[in-house]
Amino acid sequence: MPHLRWRELSAETRNALERKLEGLYGHDRDAAAFDALAPDKQQALLILLRRFRELELWDSVRRIENVYGEGGVGMNFSAWPVLLSTLRRREDFTAMFARHSDNTGGLMERGRTRASLHFLYLDKGGVRRWAVHFDLYNPWASPLNAWRHLLHEKLRGETPDWKTIVASL
């Protein structure tokens, strides 16, 4: 995958990312931060942007703090306070079995068989930190998918890369 440049992105994509990348990995401008990302992280960011926009959640993202595209596809970010209440009200997300032991809470997407979003948050010192990643197998889709999720992602520790996620979307 070729390395992308900020100026090559569509105006719509640049506008959506505007002010959300400032400070990422020490870069003070969105363009510099995006250009410095490795190609797998660029692709992961664009996949997440697309999926968040499909779900009308992108405006809840305040600032992106970390992006990963190999060994899992996801990001750490700060969000506007409405994100948690928005996710809790949605029928396509559930908090049941979505929390990890090292987090305050979590929510999982229910309506997809593959490449479903899994949000986690940690409340510490009066600040809420967010993380989101794609689960390749959505355990809410079927008993078989729950088994696949347990086997591949939990027991074997396999995490999909951005190419796997894009193929599953």
C-alpha atoms as a PDB file:
ATOM      1  CA  MET A   1       0.000   0.000   0.000  1.00  0.00           C
ATOM      2  CA  PRO A   2       1.485   3.353  -0.992  1.00  0.00           C
ATOM      3  CA  HIS A   3       2.064   6.070   1.559  1.00  0.00           C
ATOM      4  CA  LEU A   4      -0.687   8.692   1.250  1.00  0.00           C
ATOM      5  CA  ARG A   5      -0.233  12.443   1.578  1.00  0.00           C
ATOM      6  CA  TRP A   6      -2.668  14.884   3.173  1.00  0.00           C
ATOM      7  CA  ARG A   7      -2.917  16.941  -0.008  1.00  0.00           C
ATOM      8  CA  GLU A   8      -3.996  13.802  -1.935  1.00  0.00           C
ATOM      9  CA  LEU A   9      -7.039  13.262   0.303  1.00  0.00           C
ATOM     10  CA  SER A  10     -10.382  14.555  -0.867  1.00  0.00           C
ATOM     11  CA  ALA A  11     -11.508  17.897   0.509  1.00  0.00           C
ATOM     12  CA  GLU A  12     -14.346  16.074   2.280  1.00  0.00           C
ATOM     13  CA  THR A  13     -11.896  13.752   4.063  1.00  0.00           C
ATOM     14  CA  ARG A  14      -9.552  16.585   5.024  1.00  0.00           C
ATOM     15  CA  ASN A  15     -12.513  18.562   6.405  1.00  0.00           C
ATOM     16  CA  ALA A  16     -13.666  15.571   8.452  1.00  0.00           C
ATOM     17  CA  LEU A  17     -10.179  15.105   9.936  1.00  0.00           C
ATOM     18  CA  GLU A  18      -9.621  18.819  10.531  1.00  0.00           C
ATOM     19  CA  ARG A  19      -8.406  19.576  14.085  1.00  0.00           C
ATOM     20  CA  LYS A  20      -8.753  15.929  15.103  1.00  0.00           C
ATOM     21  CA  LEU A  21      -5.122  15.003  14.376  1.00  0.00           C
ATOM     22  CA  GLU A  22      -3.424  18.019  15.953  1.00  0.00           C
ATOM     23  CA  GLY A  23      -0.984  16.821  18.593  1.00  0.00           C
ATOM     24  CA  LEU A  24      -0.937  13.241  17.277  1.00  0.00           C
ATOM     25  CA  TYR A  25       2.578  11.867  17.803  1.00  0.00           C
ATOM     26  CA  GLY A  26       3.827  15.389  18.534  1.00  0.00           C
ATOM     27  CA  HIS A  27       2.700  16.999  15.278  1.00  0.00           C
ATOM     28  CA  ASP A  28       1.033  20.383  15.616  1.00  0.00           C
ATOM     29  CA  ARG A  29      -0.887  20.269  12.323  1.00  0.00           C
ATOM     30  CA  ASP A  30      -3.314  17.747  10.865  1.00  0.00           C
ATOM     31  CA  ALA A  31      -1.384  17.529   7.602  1.00  0.00           C
ATOM     32  CA  ALA A  32       1.943  16.828   9.311  1.00  0.00           C
ATOM     33  CA  ALA A  33       0.373  14.226  11.600  1.00  0.00           C
ATOM     34  CA  PHE A  34      -1.350  12.414   8.721  1.00  0.00           C
ATOM     35  CA  ASP A  35       1.732  12.487   6.496  1.00  0.00           C
ATOM     36  CA  ALA A  36       3.854  11.023   9.328  1.00  0.00           C
ATOM     37  CA  LEU A  37       1.554   8.024   9.834  1.00  0.00           C
ATOM     38  CA  ALA A  38       2.713   4.671   8.506  1.00  0.00           C
ATOM     39  CA  PRO A  39       0.568   3.414   5.600  1.00  0.00           C
ATOM     40  CA  ASP A  40      -1.232   0.827   7.794  1.00  0.00           C
ATOM     41  CA  LYS A  41      -2.203   3.567  10.264  1.00  0.00           C
ATOM     42  CA  GLN A  42      -3.377   5.843   7.456  1.00  0.00           C
ATOM     43  CA  GLN A  43      -5.583   3.074   6.099  1.00  0.00           C
ATOM     44  CA  ALA A  44      -6.923   2.241   9.568  1.00  0.00           C
ATOM     45  CA  LEU A  45      -7.778   5.891  10.166  1.00  0.00           C
ATOM     46  CA  LEU A  46      -9.627   6.153   6.862  1.00  0.00           C
ATOM     47  CA  ILE A  47     -11.540   2.924   7.572  1.00  0.00           C
ATOM     48  CA  LEU A  48     -12.542   4.194  11.008  1.00  0.00           C
ATOM     49  CA  LEU A  49     -13.535   7.572   9.586  1.00  0.00           C
ATOM     50  CA  ARG A  50     -15.727   5.890   6.977  1.00  0.00           C
ATOM     51  CA  ARG A  51     -17.419   3.572   9.485  1.00  0.00           C
ATOM     52  CA  PHE A  52     -17.958   6.309  12.088  1.00  0.00           C
ATOM     53  CA  ARG A  53     -19.507   8.507   9.432  1.00  0.00           C
ATOM     54  CA  GLU A  54     -21.809   5.688   8.314  1.00  0.00           C
ATOM     55  CA  LEU A  55     -22.976   5.410  11.930  1.00  0.00           C
ATOM     56  CA  GLU A  56     -23.170   9.203  12.325  1.00  0.00           C
ATOM     57  CA  LEU A  57     -20.668   9.105  15.202  1.00  0.00           C
ATOM     58  CA  TRP A  58     -17.736  11.005  13.723  1.00  0.00           C
ATOM     59  CA  ASP A  59     -18.765  14.375  15.168  1.00  0.00           C
ATOM     60  CA  SER A  60     -18.427  12.841  18.649  1.00  0.00           C
ATOM     61  CA  VAL A  61     -14.668  12.397  18.156  1.00  0.00           C
ATOM     62  CA  ARG A  62     -12.788  15.319  19.647  1.00  0.00           C
ATOM     63  CA  ARG A  63      -9.122  14.389  19.117  1.00  0.00           C
ATOM     64  CA  ILE A  64      -7.320  11.254  17.937  1.00  0.00           C
ATOM     65  CA  GLU A  65      -4.509  10.165  20.234  1.00  0.00           C
ATOM     66  CA  ASN A  66      -3.298   6.914  18.662  1.00  0.00           C
ATOM     67  CA  VAL A  67      -4.073   4.853  15.569  1.00  0.00           C
ATOM     68  CA  TYR A  68      -3.163   1.267  14.785  1.00  0.00           C
ATOM     69  CA  GLY A  69      -3.669  -0.807  11.643  1.00  0.00           C
ATOM     70  CA  GLU A  70      -1.621  -3.972  12.220  1.00  0.00           C
ATOM     71  CA  GLY A  71      -2.160  -6.252  15.182  1.00  0.00           C
ATOM     72  CA  GLY A  72      -5.696  -4.891  15.280  1.00  0.00           C
ATOM     73  CA  VAL A  73      -7.436  -1.927  13.720  1.00  0.00           C
ATOM     74  CA  GLY A  74      -8.469   0.879  16.021  1.00  0.00           C
ATOM     75  CA  MET A  75      -7.686   4.137  17.710  1.00  0.00           C
ATOM     76  CA  ASN A  76      -7.524   5.849  21.064  1.00  0.00           C
ATOM     77  CA  PHE A  77      -9.283   9.191  21.207  1.00  0.00           C
ATOM     78  CA  SER A  78     -10.943  11.827  23.312  1.00  0.00           C
ATOM     79  CA  ALA A  79     -14.628  12.399  22.655  1.00  0.00           C
ATOM     80  CA  TRP A  80     -17.290  14.948  23.318  1.00  0.00           C
ATOM     81  CA  PRO A  81     -19.432  14.030  26.337  1.00  0.00           C
ATOM     82  CA  VAL A  82     -22.384  12.989  24.157  1.00  0.00           C
ATOM     83  CA  LEU A  83     -20.695   9.851  22.810  1.00  0.00           C
ATOM     84  CA  LEU A  84     -21.527   7.558  25.719  1.00  0.00           C
ATOM     85  CA  SER A  85     -25.171   8.592  25.944  1.00  0.00           C
ATOM     86  CA  THR A  86     -25.505   8.372  22.153  1.00  0.00           C
ATOM     87  CA  LEU A  87     -24.139   4.821  22.062  1.00  0.00           C
ATOM     88  CA  ARG A  88     -26.279   3.735  25.027  1.00  0.00           C
ATOM     89  CA  ARG A  89     -29.456   4.933  23.272  1.00  0.00           C
ATOM     90  CA  ARG A  90     -28.744   3.092  20.054  1.00  0.00           C
ATOM     91  CA  GLU A  91     -30.320  -0.298  19.443  1.00  0.00           C
ATOM     92  CA  ASP A  92     -27.362  -1.376  17.295  1.00  0.00           C
ATOM     93  CA  PHE A  93     -24.969  -1.197  20.292  1.00  0.00           C
ATOM     94  CA  THR A  94     -24.986  -3.080  23.567  1.00  0.00           C
ATOM     95  CA  ALA A  95     -23.006  -2.849  26.786  1.00  0.00           C
ATOM     96  CA  MET A  96     -23.597  -6.517  27.597  1.00  0.00           C
ATOM     97  CA  PHE A  97     -20.253  -8.397  27.676  1.00  0.00           C
ATOM     98  CA  ALA A  98     -18.533  -5.367  26.105  1.00  0.00           C
ATOM     99  CA  ARG A  99     -16.421  -4.277  29.071  1.00  0.00           C
ATOM    100  CA  HIS A 100     -12.830  -5.441  29.543  1.00  0.00           C
ATOM    101  CA  SER A 101     -11.418  -5.934  33.033  1.00  0.00           C
ATOM    102  CA  ASP A 102      -9.078  -2.931  32.709  1.00  0.00           C
ATOM    103  CA  ASN A 103     -11.799  -0.499  31.565  1.00  0.00           C
ATOM    104  CA  THR A 104     -14.747   1.297  33.094  1.00  0.00           C
ATOM    105  CA  GLY A 105     -17.149   0.197  30.374  1.00  0.00           C
ATOM    106  CA  GLY A 106     -17.669  -0.671  26.767  1.00  0.00           C
ATOM    107  CA  LEU A 107     -20.205  -1.033  23.991  1.00  0.00           C
ATOM    108  CA  MET A 108     -20.275  -3.421  21.045  1.00  0.00           C
ATOM    109  CA  GLU A 109     -21.978  -3.117  17.721  1.00  0.00           C
ATOM    110  CA  ARG A 110     -24.687  -5.737  17.243  1.00  0.00           C
ATOM    111  CA  GLY A 111     -25.926  -5.553  13.669  1.00  0.00           C
ATOM    112  CA  ARG A 112     -22.884  -6.810  11.779  1.00  0.00           C
ATOM    113  CA  THR A 113     -21.577 -10.332  11.293  1.00  0.00           C
ATOM    114  CA  ARG A 114     -17.967  -9.247  10.689  1.00  0.00           C
ATOM    115  CA  ALA A 115     -15.893  -6.137  11.308  1.00  0.00           C
ATOM    116  CA  SER A 116     -18.007  -4.772  14.132  1.00  0.00           C
ATOM    117  CA  LEU A 117     -16.945  -1.831  16.262  1.00  0.00           C
ATOM    118  CA  HIS A 118     -16.095  -2.338  19.916  1.00  0.00           C
ATOM    119  CA  PHE A 119     -15.846   0.811  22.047  1.00  0.00           C
ATOM    120  CA  LEU A 120     -14.085   0.844  25.425  1.00  0.00           C
ATOM    121  CA  TYR A 121     -13.722   3.711  27.878  1.00  0.00           C
ATOM    122  CA  LEU A 122     -11.789   4.356  31.043  1.00  0.00           C
ATOM    123  CA  ASP A 123     -12.757   6.991  33.600  1.00  0.00           C
ATOM    124  CA  LYS A 124      -9.711   8.089  35.544  1.00  0.00           C
ATOM    125  CA  GLY A 125      -9.057  11.318  37.393  1.00  0.00           C
ATOM    126  CA  GLY A 126     -12.247  12.910  36.107  1.00  0.00           C
ATOM    127  CA  VAL A 127     -11.251  12.288  32.480  1.00  0.00           C
ATOM    128  CA  ARG A 128     -12.817   9.749  30.130  1.00  0.00           C
ATOM    129  CA  ARG A 129     -10.438   8.121  27.632  1.00  0.00           C
ATOM    130  CA  TRP A 130     -11.856   6.190  24.692  1.00  0.00           C
ATOM    131  CA  ALA A 131     -10.597   3.355  22.535  1.00  0.00           C
ATOM    132  CA  VAL A 132     -12.320   1.658  19.632  1.00  0.00           C
ATOM    133  CA  HIS A 133     -11.310  -1.325  17.561  1.00  0.00           C
ATOM    134  CA  PHE A 134     -12.823  -3.690  15.050  1.00  0.00           C
ATOM    135  CA  ASP A 135     -13.682  -7.210  16.147  1.00  0.00           C
ATOM    136  CA  LEU A 136     -13.397  -9.455  13.115  1.00  0.00           C
ATOM    137  CA  TYR A 137     -16.084 -11.818  14.391  1.00  0.00           C
ATOM    138  CA  ASN A 138     -19.046 -10.192  16.068  1.00  0.00           C
ATOM    139  CA  PRO A 139     -20.022 -12.373  19.029  1.00  0.00           C
ATOM    140  CA  TRP A 140     -23.554 -10.906  18.931  1.00  0.00           C
ATOM    141  CA  ALA A 141     -24.202 -12.095  15.361  1.00  0.00           C
ATOM    142  CA  SER A 142     -24.586 -15.824  16.066  1.00  0.00           C
ATOM    143  CA  PRO A 143     -23.389 -18.627  18.347  1.00  0.00           C
ATOM    144  CA  LEU A 144     -20.876 -19.622  15.649  1.00  0.00           C
ATOM    145  CA  ASN A 145     -19.494 -16.079  15.552  1.00  0.00           C
ATOM    146  CA  ALA A 146     -19.311 -16.018  19.356  1.00  0.00           C
ATOM    147  CA  TRP A 147     -17.215 -19.197  19.154  1.00  0.00           C
ATOM    148  CA  ARG A 148     -15.016 -17.741  16.389  1.00  0.00           C
ATOM    149  CA  HIS A 149     -14.521 -14.550  18.414  1.00  0.00           C
ATOM    150  CA  LEU A 150     -13.555 -16.549  21.503  1.00  0.00           C
ATOM    151  CA  LEU A 151     -11.251 -18.890  19.607  1.00  0.00           C
ATOM    152  CA  HIS A 152      -9.467 -16.455  17.306  1.00  0.00           C
ATOM    153  CA  GLU A 153      -9.462 -13.165  19.174  1.00  0.00           C
ATOM    154  CA  LYS A 154      -9.453 -14.239  22.821  1.00  0.00           C
ATOM    155  CA  LEU A 155      -7.749 -17.634  23.017  1.00  0.00           C
ATOM    156  CA  ARG A 156      -5.342 -17.359  20.078  1.00  0.00           C
ATOM    157  CA  GLY A 157      -4.867 -13.591  20.400  1.00  0.00           C
ATOM    158  CA  GLU A 158      -5.338 -13.091  16.668  1.00  0.00           C
ATOM    159  CA  THR A 159      -6.170  -9.562  15.657  1.00  0.00           C
ATOM    160  CA  PRO A 160      -7.137  -8.531  12.131  1.00  0.00           C
ATOM    161  CA  ASP A 161      -5.069  -6.056  10.158  1.00  0.00           C
ATOM    162  CA  TRP A 162      -6.577  -3.260   8.086  1.00  0.00           C
ATOM    163  CA  LYS A 163      -6.647  -5.381   4.908  1.00  0.00           C
ATOM    164  CA  THR A 164      -8.752  -8.042   6.648  1.00  0.00           C
ATOM    165  CA  ILE A 165     -11.133  -5.428   8.032  1.00  0.00           C
ATOM    166  CA  VAL A 166     -11.557  -3.664   4.681  1.00  0.00           C
ATOM    167  CA  ALA A 167     -12.326  -7.014   3.035  1.00  0.00           C
ATOM    168  CA  SER A 168     -14.930  -7.709   5.745  1.00  0.00           C
ATOM    169  CA  LEU A 169     -16.703  -4.398   5.353  1.00  0.00           C
END
